[in-house]
């Protein structure tokens, strides 16, 4: 059963009679002034509008595949900086249609898909009436029309991944401008199915891991156009000393928070993909596991005090529920928090 998501879950009401909305940069009015101040404000306003346009916030989730009738499917979605993911599952065997065109890329994963009849269209490609599209992927570049109708033979289960082009590497633009319909790619499939499983059963403390898998998915997508395997540059020494200091200091100062991967990468002045690789080279762990380990170490110190409250300690190190804190602590130490406290006595 589809339940709560990491960020938010709600039914997506979409009107089929009007096009899907596009993001627009909104510039707030600046105070009236004159001379040099006016010119400076004009420059600031234009720069702000430019940044808003370049970095559209998918967190607002204005972009979604329009499914009609809307109640024929159940939907769960999770969004974070530059990306959103959605699980869509048919609730009954009834004909439905799907439409999409937006300024974001769309990757569709057919985890379970078999139809008695139907047709799928991606602008720029011939239509397909493939009956069984299990384990097939479809990629719809930003601004490209997608339309599908089908009478399912089994309860359809799909995953939609929405990616903001403004947050992807510039060198990936060429590969991500080519539409692809019902194709196979083992590396991309494995990453996409892993990300879909995180959306299905999200845990707040796994936010960094979810974002890291999203970065890998974007990287795999960018490699679709390559005709031969690419040799990645080696991260020989990991992070520089100054990068380690600023990243560790930020993690230590925000242990109880959900730290976006983009924030840590920005502090190190690296792309999220190369930051993950360099971080693991330096610390032997990916960022999300390092963050969790530091939380557990902080919890150990707090448990050493007399008469600790497990619930309060869990919340102090960033766990919203006692059960999730207990599970993470046991996984790391082999003991529950209470048993660990007793062992110290």
C-alpha atoms as a PDB file:
ATOM      1  CA  UNK A   1       0.000   0.000   0.000  1.00  0.00           C
ATOM      2  CA  UNK A   2       1.296   3.421  -0.879  1.00  0.00           C
ATOM      3  CA  UNK A   3       1.764   5.589   2.192  1.00  0.00           C
ATOM      4  CA  UNK A   4       3.682   8.692   3.237  1.00  0.00           C
ATOM      5  CA  UNK A   5       6.715   9.839   1.221  1.00  0.00           C
ATOM      6  CA  UNK A   6       9.955  11.453   2.305  1.00  0.00           C
ATOM      7  CA  UNK A   7       8.986  15.005   1.515  1.00  0.00           C
ATOM      8  CA  UNK A   8       5.272  14.986   0.820  1.00  0.00           C
ATOM      9  CA  UNK A   9       2.571  12.853  -0.817  1.00  0.00           C
ATOM     10  CA  UNK A  10      -0.673  14.071  -2.312  1.00  0.00           C
ATOM     11  CA  UNK A  11      -2.941  13.363  -5.225  1.00  0.00           C
ATOM     12  CA  UNK A  12      -1.958  15.330  -8.327  1.00  0.00           C
ATOM     13  CA  UNK A  13      -5.033  17.054  -9.791  1.00  0.00           C
ATOM     14  CA  UNK A  14      -4.276  17.830 -13.429  1.00  0.00           C
ATOM     15  CA  UNK A  15      -6.664  19.414 -15.863  1.00  0.00           C
ATOM     16  CA  UNK A  16      -6.358  17.716 -19.253  1.00  0.00           C
ATOM     17  CA  UNK A  17      -8.002  20.649 -21.013  1.00  0.00           C
ATOM     18  CA  UNK A  18      -5.092  22.967 -20.403  1.00  0.00           C
ATOM     19  CA  UNK A  19      -1.357  22.456 -20.925  1.00  0.00           C
ATOM     20  CA  UNK A  20       0.899  21.573 -18.052  1.00  0.00           C
ATOM     21  CA  UNK A  21       2.247  24.715 -16.350  1.00  0.00           C
ATOM     22  CA  UNK A  22       5.770  25.912 -16.966  1.00  0.00           C
ATOM     23  CA  UNK A  23       7.974  27.554 -14.389  1.00  0.00           C
ATOM     24  CA  UNK A  24       8.344  31.299 -14.696  1.00  0.00           C
ATOM     25  CA  UNK A  25      10.863  33.494 -12.964  1.00  0.00           C
ATOM     26  CA  UNK A  26       9.132  35.918 -10.610  1.00  0.00           C
ATOM     27  CA  UNK A  27      10.866  39.207  -9.867  1.00  0.00           C
ATOM     28  CA  UNK A  28       9.623  41.015  -6.782  1.00  0.00           C
ATOM     29  CA  UNK A  29       9.252  44.794  -7.048  1.00  0.00           C
ATOM     30  CA  UNK A  30      12.230  46.678  -5.657  1.00  0.00           C
ATOM     31  CA  UNK A  31      11.945  49.822  -3.565  1.00  0.00           C
ATOM     32  CA  UNK A  32      11.713  53.024  -5.611  1.00  0.00           C
ATOM     33  CA  UNK A  33      15.057  54.825  -5.670  1.00  0.00           C
ATOM     34  CA  UNK A  34      17.135  56.871  -8.042  1.00  0.00           C
ATOM     35  CA  UNK A  35      20.552  57.237  -9.611  1.00  0.00           C
ATOM     36  CA  UNK A  36      23.174  54.586  -9.052  1.00  0.00           C
ATOM     37  CA  UNK A  37      20.975  52.714  -6.550  1.00  0.00           C
ATOM     38  CA  UNK A  38      18.274  52.265  -9.200  1.00  0.00           C
ATOM     39  CA  UNK A  39      20.767  50.828 -11.672  1.00  0.00           C
ATOM     40  CA  UNK A  40      22.170  48.494  -9.034  1.00  0.00           C
ATOM     41  CA  UNK A  41      18.679  47.280  -8.127  1.00  0.00           C
ATOM     42  CA  UNK A  42      17.898  46.701 -11.800  1.00  0.00           C
ATOM     43  CA  UNK A  43      21.036  44.603 -12.141  1.00  0.00           C
ATOM     44  CA  UNK A  44      20.235  42.632  -8.988  1.00  0.00           C
ATOM     45  CA  UNK A  45      16.668  42.053 -10.183  1.00  0.00           C
ATOM     46  CA  UNK A  46      17.784  40.790 -13.582  1.00  0.00           C
ATOM     47  CA  UNK A  47      20.415  38.540 -12.000  1.00  0.00           C
ATOM     48  CA  UNK A  48      17.860  37.087  -9.592  1.00  0.00           C
ATOM     49  CA  UNK A  49      15.422  36.431 -12.428  1.00  0.00           C
ATOM     50  CA  UNK A  50      18.193  34.761 -14.417  1.00  0.00           C
ATOM     51  CA  UNK A  51      19.100  32.488 -11.501  1.00  0.00           C
ATOM     52  CA  UNK A  52      15.463  31.549 -10.978  1.00  0.00           C
ATOM     53  CA  UNK A  53      15.100  30.685 -14.637  1.00  0.00           C
ATOM     54  CA  UNK A  54      18.299  28.639 -14.699  1.00  0.00           C
ATOM     55  CA  UNK A  55      17.511  26.774 -11.493  1.00  0.00           C
ATOM     56  CA  UNK A  56      13.836  25.930 -11.688  1.00  0.00           C
ATOM     57  CA  UNK A  57      12.662  24.397  -8.418  1.00  0.00           C
ATOM     58  CA  UNK A  58      11.301  20.933  -9.066  1.00  0.00           C
ATOM     59  CA  UNK A  59      10.606  20.818  -5.338  1.00  0.00           C
ATOM     60  CA  UNK A  60       7.403  22.723  -6.227  1.00  0.00           C
ATOM     61  CA  UNK A  61       6.514  19.735  -8.413  1.00  0.00           C
ATOM     62  CA  UNK A  62       4.560  21.629 -11.045  1.00  0.00           C
ATOM     63  CA  UNK A  63       5.667  18.969 -13.524  1.00  0.00           C
ATOM     64  CA  UNK A  64       3.899  15.623 -13.598  1.00  0.00           C
ATOM     65  CA  UNK A  65       2.684  13.107 -16.129  1.00  0.00           C
ATOM     66  CA  UNK A  66      -1.038  13.692 -16.670  1.00  0.00           C
ATOM     67  CA  UNK A  67      -2.926  10.408 -16.181  1.00  0.00           C
ATOM     68  CA  UNK A  68      -6.577  10.185 -17.189  1.00  0.00           C
ATOM     69  CA  UNK A  69      -8.834   9.183 -15.555  1.00  0.00           C
ATOM     70  CA  UNK A  70      -6.780  10.318 -12.561  1.00  0.00           C
ATOM     71  CA  UNK A  71      -8.313   7.881 -10.071  1.00  0.00           C
ATOM     72  CA  UNK A  72      -7.226   4.831 -12.075  1.00  0.00           C
ATOM     73  CA  UNK A  73      -3.748   5.029 -10.488  1.00  0.00           C
ATOM     74  CA  UNK A  74      -2.180   5.604  -7.081  1.00  0.00           C
ATOM     75  CA  UNK A  75       0.856   7.874  -6.949  1.00  0.00           C
ATOM     76  CA  UNK A  76       3.694   8.487  -4.532  1.00  0.00           C
ATOM     77  CA  UNK A  77       6.406  11.048  -5.125  1.00  0.00           C
ATOM     78  CA  UNK A  78       9.574  12.373  -3.540  1.00  0.00           C
ATOM     79  CA  UNK A  79      11.381  15.526  -4.621  1.00  0.00           C
ATOM     80  CA  UNK A  80      14.726  17.086  -3.855  1.00  0.00           C
ATOM     81  CA  UNK A  81      17.031  19.654  -5.455  1.00  0.00           C
ATOM     82  CA  UNK A  82      17.022  19.271  -9.228  1.00  0.00           C
ATOM     83  CA  UNK A  83      15.096  16.004  -9.353  1.00  0.00           C
ATOM     84  CA  UNK A  84      11.819  14.321  -8.477  1.00  0.00           C
ATOM     85  CA  UNK A  85      10.741  10.680  -8.545  1.00  0.00           C
ATOM     86  CA  UNK A  86       7.295   9.151  -8.606  1.00  0.00           C
ATOM     87  CA  UNK A  87       5.844   5.660  -8.296  1.00  0.00           C
ATOM     88  CA  UNK A  88       2.628   5.189 -10.276  1.00  0.00           C
ATOM     89  CA  UNK A  89       0.599   2.011  -9.837  1.00  0.00           C
ATOM     90  CA  UNK A  90      -2.680   1.098 -11.543  1.00  0.00           C
ATOM     91  CA  UNK A  91      -5.522   0.520  -9.106  1.00  0.00           C
ATOM     92  CA  UNK A  92      -7.692  -1.436 -11.533  1.00  0.00           C
ATOM     93  CA  UNK A  93      -7.681  -2.944 -15.019  1.00  0.00           C
ATOM     94  CA  UNK A  94      -9.148  -0.058 -16.966  1.00  0.00           C
ATOM     95  CA  UNK A  95      -8.053   1.871 -20.028  1.00  0.00           C
ATOM     96  CA  UNK A  96      -6.078   5.038 -19.224  1.00  0.00           C
ATOM     97  CA  UNK A  97      -4.015   7.672 -21.009  1.00  0.00           C
ATOM     98  CA  UNK A  98      -0.801   9.452 -20.057  1.00  0.00           C
ATOM     99  CA  UNK A  99       0.481  12.759 -21.436  1.00  0.00           C
ATOM    100  CA  UNK A 100       3.537  14.871 -20.762  1.00  0.00           C
ATOM    101  CA  UNK A 101       5.412  17.844 -22.153  1.00  0.00           C
ATOM    102  CA  UNK A 102       7.471  20.081 -19.865  1.00  0.00           C
ATOM    103  CA  UNK A 103      10.859  21.828 -19.645  1.00  0.00           C
ATOM    104  CA  UNK A 104      12.280  18.892 -17.664  1.00  0.00           C
ATOM    105  CA  UNK A 105      13.602  15.498 -18.746  1.00  0.00           C
ATOM    106  CA  UNK A 106      11.452  12.452 -18.046  1.00  0.00           C
ATOM    107  CA  UNK A 107      12.742   8.898 -17.594  1.00  0.00           C
ATOM    108  CA  UNK A 108      10.087   6.170 -17.407  1.00  0.00           C
ATOM    109  CA  UNK A 109      10.817   2.779 -15.886  1.00  0.00           C
ATOM    110  CA  UNK A 110       8.399  -0.032 -16.754  1.00  0.00           C
ATOM    111  CA  UNK A 111       8.687  -2.223 -13.678  1.00  0.00           C
ATOM    112  CA  UNK A 112       5.444  -4.038 -14.489  1.00  0.00           C
ATOM    113  CA  UNK A 113       3.719  -3.392 -17.807  1.00  0.00           C
ATOM    114  CA  UNK A 114       1.617  -5.583 -20.093  1.00  0.00           C
ATOM    115  CA  UNK A 115      -1.342  -4.392 -22.171  1.00  0.00           C
ATOM    116  CA  UNK A 116      -4.083  -5.981 -24.241  1.00  0.00           C
ATOM    117  CA  UNK A 117      -3.922  -3.038 -26.611  1.00  0.00           C
ATOM    118  CA  UNK A 118      -2.358   0.383 -26.677  1.00  0.00           C
ATOM    119  CA  UNK A 119       0.101   2.741 -28.307  1.00  0.00           C
ATOM    120  CA  UNK A 120       2.999   4.871 -27.089  1.00  0.00           C
ATOM    121  CA  UNK A 121       4.295   7.976 -28.817  1.00  0.00           C
ATOM    122  CA  UNK A 122       7.422  10.041 -28.132  1.00  0.00           C
ATOM    123  CA  UNK A 123       7.863  13.043 -30.401  1.00  0.00           C
ATOM    124  CA  UNK A 124      10.540  12.375 -33.007  1.00  0.00           C
ATOM    125  CA  UNK A 125      10.135   8.580 -32.942  1.00  0.00           C
ATOM    126  CA  UNK A 126       7.727   6.102 -34.597  1.00  0.00           C
ATOM    127  CA  UNK A 127       4.747   5.026 -32.502  1.00  0.00           C
ATOM    128  CA  UNK A 128       4.985   1.694 -30.711  1.00  0.00           C
ATOM    129  CA  UNK A 129       2.241  -0.792 -29.854  1.00  0.00           C
ATOM    130  CA  UNK A 130       4.556  -3.092 -27.859  1.00  0.00           C
ATOM    131  CA  UNK A 131       2.335  -5.284 -25.670  1.00  0.00           C
ATOM    132  CA  UNK A 132       4.835  -6.265 -22.981  1.00  0.00           C
ATOM    133  CA  UNK A 133       7.133  -3.466 -21.852  1.00  0.00           C
ATOM    134  CA  UNK A 134       8.349  -4.921 -18.579  1.00  0.00           C
ATOM    135  CA  UNK A 135      11.971  -3.960 -17.824  1.00  0.00           C
ATOM    136  CA  UNK A 136      11.857  -1.342 -20.575  1.00  0.00           C
ATOM    137  CA  UNK A 137      12.957   2.274 -20.238  1.00  0.00           C
ATOM    138  CA  UNK A 138      11.717   5.354 -22.076  1.00  0.00           C
ATOM    139  CA  UNK A 139      13.463   8.720 -22.117  1.00  0.00           C
ATOM    140  CA  UNK A 140      11.599  11.921 -23.022  1.00  0.00           C
ATOM    141  CA  UNK A 141      13.877  14.986 -23.387  1.00  0.00           C
ATOM    142  CA  UNK A 142      12.763  18.341 -22.028  1.00  0.00           C
ATOM    143  CA  UNK A 143      10.156  19.999 -24.255  1.00  0.00           C
ATOM    144  CA  UNK A 144       9.314  16.737 -26.058  1.00  0.00           C
ATOM    145  CA  UNK A 145       5.763  15.420 -26.270  1.00  0.00           C
ATOM    146  CA  UNK A 146       4.912  12.052 -24.733  1.00  0.00           C
ATOM    147  CA  UNK A 147       1.547  10.282 -25.098  1.00  0.00           C
ATOM    148  CA  UNK A 148       0.494   6.774 -24.155  1.00  0.00           C
ATOM    149  CA  UNK A 149      -2.839   4.952 -24.029  1.00  0.00           C
ATOM    150  CA  UNK A 150      -3.415   1.365 -23.004  1.00  0.00           C
ATOM    151  CA  UNK A 151      -5.825  -1.233 -21.745  1.00  0.00           C
ATOM    152  CA  UNK A 152      -3.666  -3.079 -19.203  1.00  0.00           C
ATOM    153  CA  UNK A 153      -3.525  -6.855 -19.031  1.00  0.00           C
ATOM    154  CA  UNK A 154      -2.025  -6.679 -15.541  1.00  0.00           C
ATOM    155  CA  UNK A 155      -1.870  -3.912 -12.954  1.00  0.00           C
ATOM    156  CA  UNK A 156       0.688  -1.510 -14.375  1.00  0.00           C
ATOM    157  CA  UNK A 157       3.519  -0.251 -12.186  1.00  0.00           C
ATOM    158  CA  UNK A 158       5.771   2.541 -13.452  1.00  0.00           C
ATOM    159  CA  UNK A 159       8.380   4.899 -12.044  1.00  0.00           C
ATOM    160  CA  UNK A 160       8.730   8.456 -13.372  1.00  0.00           C
ATOM    161  CA  UNK A 161      11.950  10.383 -12.831  1.00  0.00           C
ATOM    162  CA  UNK A 162      11.936  14.122 -13.550  1.00  0.00           C
ATOM    163  CA  UNK A 163      15.291  15.867 -13.999  1.00  0.00           C
ATOM    164  CA  UNK A 164      15.937  19.588 -14.243  1.00  0.00           C
ATOM    165  CA  UNK A 165      18.250  20.201 -17.263  1.00  0.00           C
ATOM    166  CA  UNK A 166      19.646  23.340 -15.603  1.00  0.00           C
ATOM    167  CA  UNK A 167      21.261  21.186 -12.899  1.00  0.00           C
ATOM    168  CA  UNK A 168      22.834  18.597 -15.204  1.00  0.00           C
ATOM    169  CA  UNK A 169      26.348  18.856 -16.682  1.00  0.00           C
ATOM    170  CA  UNK A 170      26.524  20.981 -19.822  1.00  0.00           C
ATOM    171  CA  UNK A 171      28.435  18.231 -21.631  1.00  0.00           C
ATOM    172  CA  UNK A 172      25.409  15.943 -21.166  1.00  0.00           C
ATOM    173  CA  UNK A 173      23.105  18.178 -23.216  1.00  0.00           C
ATOM    174  CA  UNK A 174      23.731  16.397 -26.534  1.00  0.00           C
ATOM    175  CA  UNK A 175      23.052  12.900 -25.156  1.00  0.00           C
ATOM    176  CA  UNK A 176      19.957  14.113 -23.313  1.00  0.00           C
ATOM    177  CA  UNK A 177      18.404  15.691 -26.394  1.00  0.00           C
ATOM    178  CA  UNK A 178      17.747  12.320 -28.048  1.00  0.00           C
ATOM    179  CA  UNK A 179      14.380  10.626 -27.305  1.00  0.00           C
ATOM    180  CA  UNK A 180      14.372   6.871 -26.674  1.00  0.00           C
ATOM    181  CA  UNK A 181      11.384   4.541 -26.566  1.00  0.00           C
ATOM    182  CA  UNK A 182      11.298   1.107 -24.895  1.00  0.00           C
ATOM    183  CA  UNK A 183      15.045   0.590 -24.713  1.00  0.00           C
ATOM    184  CA  UNK A 184      17.222  -1.490 -22.391  1.00  0.00           C
ATOM    185  CA  UNK A 185      20.317  -0.470 -20.463  1.00  0.00           C
ATOM    186  CA  UNK A 186      21.475  -2.649 -17.585  1.00  0.00           C
ATOM    187  CA  UNK A 187      23.406   0.017 -15.653  1.00  0.00           C
ATOM    188  CA  UNK A 188      20.653   2.591 -15.967  1.00  0.00           C
ATOM    189  CA  UNK A 189      17.991   0.036 -15.026  1.00  0.00           C
ATOM    190  CA  UNK A 190      19.836  -1.080 -11.891  1.00  0.00           C
ATOM    191  CA  UNK A 191      20.257   2.506 -10.683  1.00  0.00           C
ATOM    192  CA  UNK A 192      16.670   3.468 -11.533  1.00  0.00           C
ATOM    193  CA  UNK A 193      15.175   0.437  -9.758  1.00  0.00           C
ATOM    194  CA  UNK A 194      17.307   1.182  -6.684  1.00  0.00           C
ATOM    195  CA  UNK A 195      16.062   4.769  -6.649  1.00  0.00           C
ATOM    196  CA  UNK A 196      12.477   3.576  -7.097  1.00  0.00           C
ATOM    197  CA  UNK A 197      12.823   1.285  -4.069  1.00  0.00           C
ATOM    198  CA  UNK A 198      13.984   4.255  -1.984  1.00  0.00           C
ATOM    199  CA  UNK A 199      10.921   6.209  -3.085  1.00  0.00           C
ATOM    200  CA  UNK A 200       8.701   3.258  -2.198  1.00  0.00           C
ATOM    201  CA  UNK A 201      10.010   2.981   1.356  1.00  0.00           C
ATOM    202  CA  UNK A 202      11.675   6.314   2.162  1.00  0.00           C
ATOM    203  CA  UNK A 203      13.332   6.989   5.501  1.00  0.00           C
ATOM    204  CA  UNK A 204      14.159  10.591   6.453  1.00  0.00           C
ATOM    205  CA  UNK A 205      17.680   9.665   7.528  1.00  0.00           C
ATOM    206  CA  UNK A 206      18.364   8.225   4.035  1.00  0.00           C
ATOM    207  CA  UNK A 207      17.977  11.568   2.262  1.00  0.00           C
ATOM    208  CA  UNK A 208      21.698  11.833   1.443  1.00  0.00           C
ATOM    209  CA  UNK A 209      21.683   8.293   0.068  1.00  0.00           C
ATOM    210  CA  UNK A 210      18.606   9.003  -2.048  1.00  0.00           C
ATOM    211  CA  UNK A 211      20.246  12.137  -3.475  1.00  0.00           C
ATOM    212  CA  UNK A 212      23.469  10.237  -4.165  1.00  0.00           C
ATOM    213  CA  UNK A 213      21.599   7.549  -6.123  1.00  0.00           C
ATOM    214  CA  UNK A 214      19.833  10.362  -8.014  1.00  0.00           C
ATOM    215  CA  UNK A 215      23.221  11.793  -8.974  1.00  0.00           C
ATOM    216  CA  UNK A 216      24.317   8.389 -10.274  1.00  0.00           C
ATOM    217  CA  UNK A 217      21.075   8.094 -12.270  1.00  0.00           C
ATOM    218  CA  UNK A 218      21.727  11.471 -13.929  1.00  0.00           C
ATOM    219  CA  UNK A 219      25.290  10.369 -14.698  1.00  0.00           C
ATOM    220  CA  UNK A 220      24.077   7.111 -16.283  1.00  0.00           C
ATOM    221  CA  UNK A 221      21.583   9.063 -18.384  1.00  0.00           C
ATOM    222  CA  UNK A 222      24.317  11.404 -19.598  1.00  0.00           C
ATOM    223  CA  UNK A 223      26.285   8.395 -20.838  1.00  0.00           C
ATOM    224  CA  UNK A 224      23.481   7.061 -23.037  1.00  0.00           C
ATOM    225  CA  UNK A 225      24.880   8.726 -26.156  1.00  0.00           C
ATOM    226  CA  UNK A 226      28.339   7.247 -25.806  1.00  0.00           C
ATOM    227  CA  UNK A 227      29.301   4.700 -28.441  1.00  0.00           C
ATOM    228  CA  UNK A 228      32.177   3.298 -26.392  1.00  0.00           C
ATOM    229  CA  UNK A 229      32.845   3.020 -22.665  1.00  0.00           C
ATOM    230  CA  UNK A 230      34.328   6.144 -21.147  1.00  0.00           C
ATOM    231  CA  UNK A 231      37.303   6.021 -18.842  1.00  0.00           C
ATOM    232  CA  UNK A 232      36.492   8.163 -15.833  1.00  0.00           C
ATOM    233  CA  UNK A 233      39.216  10.396 -14.425  1.00  0.00           C
ATOM    234  CA  UNK A 234      40.731   8.884 -11.324  1.00  0.00           C
ATOM    235  CA  UNK A 235      40.179  10.514  -7.947  1.00  0.00           C
ATOM    236  CA  UNK A 236      43.648   9.710  -6.659  1.00  0.00           C
ATOM    237  CA  UNK A 237      43.897  11.605  -3.413  1.00  0.00           C
ATOM    238  CA  UNK A 238      40.264  12.136  -2.527  1.00  0.00           C
ATOM    239  CA  UNK A 239      39.350  15.506  -1.073  1.00  0.00           C
ATOM    240  CA  UNK A 240      41.971  18.131  -0.375  1.00  0.00           C
ATOM    241  CA  UNK A 241      42.691  18.937   3.270  1.00  0.00           C
ATOM    242  CA  UNK A 242      40.689  22.183   3.154  1.00  0.00           C
ATOM    243  CA  UNK A 243      37.740  20.371   1.563  1.00  0.00           C
ATOM    244  CA  UNK A 244      37.777  17.725   4.277  1.00  0.00           C
ATOM    245  CA  UNK A 245      37.829  20.404   6.989  1.00  0.00           C
ATOM    246  CA  UNK A 246      34.888  22.447   5.690  1.00  0.00           C
ATOM    247  CA  UNK A 247      32.743  19.389   4.868  1.00  0.00           C
ATOM    248  CA  UNK A 248      33.363  17.662   8.218  1.00  0.00           C
ATOM    249  CA  UNK A 249      32.753  20.906  10.101  1.00  0.00           C
ATOM    250  CA  UNK A 250      29.435  21.349   8.326  1.00  0.00           C
ATOM    251  CA  UNK A 251      28.339  17.786   9.045  1.00  0.00           C
ATOM    252  CA  UNK A 252      29.340  18.052  12.714  1.00  0.00           C
ATOM    253  CA  UNK A 253      27.486  21.325  13.058  1.00  0.00           C
ATOM    254  CA  UNK A 254      24.319  19.961  11.459  1.00  0.00           C
ATOM    255  CA  UNK A 255      24.220  16.341  12.619  1.00  0.00           C
ATOM    256  CA  UNK A 256      20.531  16.536  13.513  1.00  0.00           C
ATOM    257  CA  UNK A 257      19.551  17.929  10.104  1.00  0.00           C
ATOM    258  CA  UNK A 258      18.956  16.380   6.698  1.00  0.00           C
ATOM    259  CA  UNK A 259      21.935  17.791   4.773  1.00  0.00           C
ATOM    260  CA  UNK A 260      21.413  17.985   0.988  1.00  0.00           C
ATOM    261  CA  UNK A 261      24.191  16.378  -1.022  1.00  0.00           C
ATOM    262  CA  UNK A 262      24.351  19.514  -3.175  1.00  0.00           C
ATOM    263  CA  UNK A 263      25.234  21.551  -0.068  1.00  0.00           C
ATOM    264  CA  UNK A 264      28.235  19.387   0.790  1.00  0.00           C
ATOM    265  CA  UNK A 265      29.375  19.288  -2.835  1.00  0.00           C
ATOM    266  CA  UNK A 266      29.077  23.072  -3.021  1.00  0.00           C
ATOM    267  CA  UNK A 267      31.254  23.500   0.062  1.00  0.00           C
ATOM    268  CA  UNK A 268      33.921  21.366  -1.621  1.00  0.00           C
ATOM    269  CA  UNK A 269      33.415  23.194  -4.952  1.00  0.00           C
ATOM    270  CA  UNK A 270      32.816  19.926  -6.787  1.00  0.00           C
ATOM    271  CA  UNK A 271      29.939  18.426  -8.735  1.00  0.00           C
ATOM    272  CA  UNK A 272      27.812  16.046  -6.619  1.00  0.00           C
ATOM    273  CA  UNK A 273      29.024  13.052  -8.628  1.00  0.00           C
ATOM    274  CA  UNK A 274      32.745  13.702  -8.193  1.00  0.00           C
ATOM    275  CA  UNK A 275      32.233  14.850  -4.608  1.00  0.00           C
ATOM    276  CA  UNK A 276      30.742  11.447  -3.709  1.00  0.00           C
ATOM    277  CA  UNK A 277      33.700   9.644  -5.240  1.00  0.00           C
ATOM    278  CA  UNK A 278      36.291  11.911  -3.638  1.00  0.00           C
ATOM    279  CA  UNK A 279      34.566  11.782  -0.245  1.00  0.00           C
ATOM    280  CA  UNK A 280      34.550   7.972  -0.233  1.00  0.00           C
ATOM    281  CA  UNK A 281      38.210   7.970  -1.262  1.00  0.00           C
ATOM    282  CA  UNK A 282      39.044  10.186   1.710  1.00  0.00           C
ATOM    283  CA  UNK A 283      36.853   8.668   4.417  1.00  0.00           C
ATOM    284  CA  UNK A 284      36.184   5.139   3.195  1.00  0.00           C
ATOM    285  CA  UNK A 285      32.432   5.761   3.339  1.00  0.00           C
ATOM    286  CA  UNK A 286      29.919   7.593   1.142  1.00  0.00           C
ATOM    287  CA  UNK A 287      28.603  10.867   2.648  1.00  0.00           C
ATOM    288  CA  UNK A 288      25.277   9.492   3.877  1.00  0.00           C
ATOM    289  CA  UNK A 289      26.936   6.629   5.781  1.00  0.00           C
ATOM    290  CA  UNK A 290      29.518   8.953   7.286  1.00  0.00           C
ATOM    291  CA  UNK A 291      26.726  11.266   8.424  1.00  0.00           C
ATOM    292  CA  UNK A 292      24.873   8.352  10.031  1.00  0.00           C
ATOM    293  CA  UNK A 293      28.044   7.087  11.732  1.00  0.00           C
ATOM    294  CA  UNK A 294      28.718  10.506  13.255  1.00  0.00           C
ATOM    295  CA  UNK A 295      25.122  10.609  14.512  1.00  0.00           C
ATOM    296  CA  UNK A 296      25.591   7.241  16.214  1.00  0.00           C
ATOM    297  CA  UNK A 297      28.877   8.385  17.783  1.00  0.00           C
ATOM    298  CA  UNK A 298      27.141  11.477  19.142  1.00  0.00           C
ATOM    299  CA  UNK A 299      24.339   9.273  20.479  1.00  0.00           C
ATOM    300  CA  UNK A 300      26.883   7.035  22.252  1.00  0.00           C
ATOM    301  CA  UNK A 301      28.290  10.047  24.052  1.00  0.00           C
ATOM    302  CA  UNK A 302      24.826  11.141  25.145  1.00  0.00           C
ATOM    303  CA  UNK A 303      23.923   7.612  26.285  1.00  0.00           C
ATOM    304  CA  UNK A 304      26.933   7.612  28.595  1.00  0.00           C
ATOM    305  CA  UNK A 305      25.193  10.144  30.804  1.00  0.00           C
ATOM    306  CA  UNK A 306      23.014   9.126  33.735  1.00  0.00           C
ATOM    307  CA  UNK A 307      19.363   8.251  33.028  1.00  0.00           C
ATOM    308  CA  UNK A 308      19.276   9.139  29.353  1.00  0.00           C
ATOM    309  CA  UNK A 309      16.021   9.411  27.393  1.00  0.00           C
ATOM    310  CA  UNK A 310      16.335   7.305  24.251  1.00  0.00           C
ATOM    311  CA  UNK A 311      13.593   9.291  22.543  1.00  0.00           C
ATOM    312  CA  UNK A 312      15.215  12.643  23.323  1.00  0.00           C
ATOM    313  CA  UNK A 313      18.652  11.429  22.254  1.00  0.00           C
ATOM    314  CA  UNK A 314      17.245  10.098  18.989  1.00  0.00           C
ATOM    315  CA  UNK A 315      15.646  13.443  18.236  1.00  0.00           C
ATOM    316  CA  UNK A 316      18.842  15.278  19.247  1.00  0.00           C
ATOM    317  CA  UNK A 317      20.817  13.423  16.585  1.00  0.00           C
ATOM    318  CA  UNK A 318      18.203  13.784  13.865  1.00  0.00           C
ATOM    319  CA  UNK A 319      15.880  10.771  14.119  1.00  0.00           C
ATOM    320  CA  UNK A 320      12.207  11.707  14.120  1.00  0.00           C
ATOM    321  CA  UNK A 321      11.085   8.348  15.517  1.00  0.00           C
ATOM    322  CA  UNK A 322      12.469   6.215  18.335  1.00  0.00           C
ATOM    323  CA  UNK A 323      12.051   3.064  16.246  1.00  0.00           C
ATOM    324  CA  UNK A 324      14.218   4.367  13.391  1.00  0.00           C
ATOM    325  CA  UNK A 325      16.878   5.545  15.865  1.00  0.00           C
ATOM    326  CA  UNK A 326      16.881   2.164  17.622  1.00  0.00           C
ATOM    327  CA  UNK A 327      17.171   0.304  14.298  1.00  0.00           C
ATOM    328  CA  UNK A 328      20.063   2.473  13.088  1.00  0.00           C
ATOM    329  CA  UNK A 329      21.865   2.218  16.439  1.00  0.00           C
ATOM    330  CA  UNK A 330      21.483  -1.568  16.561  1.00  0.00           C
ATOM    331  CA  UNK A 331      22.710  -1.904  12.985  1.00  0.00           C
ATOM    332  CA  UNK A 332      25.833   0.115  13.819  1.00  0.00           C
ATOM    333  CA  UNK A 333      26.634  -1.334  17.260  1.00  0.00           C
ATOM    334  CA  UNK A 334      24.777  -4.629  17.563  1.00  0.00           C
ATOM    335  CA  UNK A 335      22.943  -3.284  20.639  1.00  0.00           C
ATOM    336  CA  UNK A 336      19.832  -1.245  21.258  1.00  0.00           C
ATOM    337  CA  UNK A 337      20.436   2.202  22.808  1.00  0.00           C
ATOM    338  CA  UNK A 338      19.099   0.965  26.152  1.00  0.00           C
ATOM    339  CA  UNK A 339      21.309  -2.136  26.107  1.00  0.00           C
ATOM    340  CA  UNK A 340      24.314  -0.009  25.179  1.00  0.00           C
ATOM    341  CA  UNK A 341      23.668   2.298  28.162  1.00  0.00           C
ATOM    342  CA  UNK A 342      23.404  -0.686  30.496  1.00  0.00           C
ATOM    343  CA  UNK A 343      26.652  -2.143  29.152  1.00  0.00           C
ATOM    344  CA  UNK A 344      28.463   1.035  30.220  1.00  0.00           C
ATOM    345  CA  UNK A 345      27.324   0.533  33.799  1.00  0.00           C
END
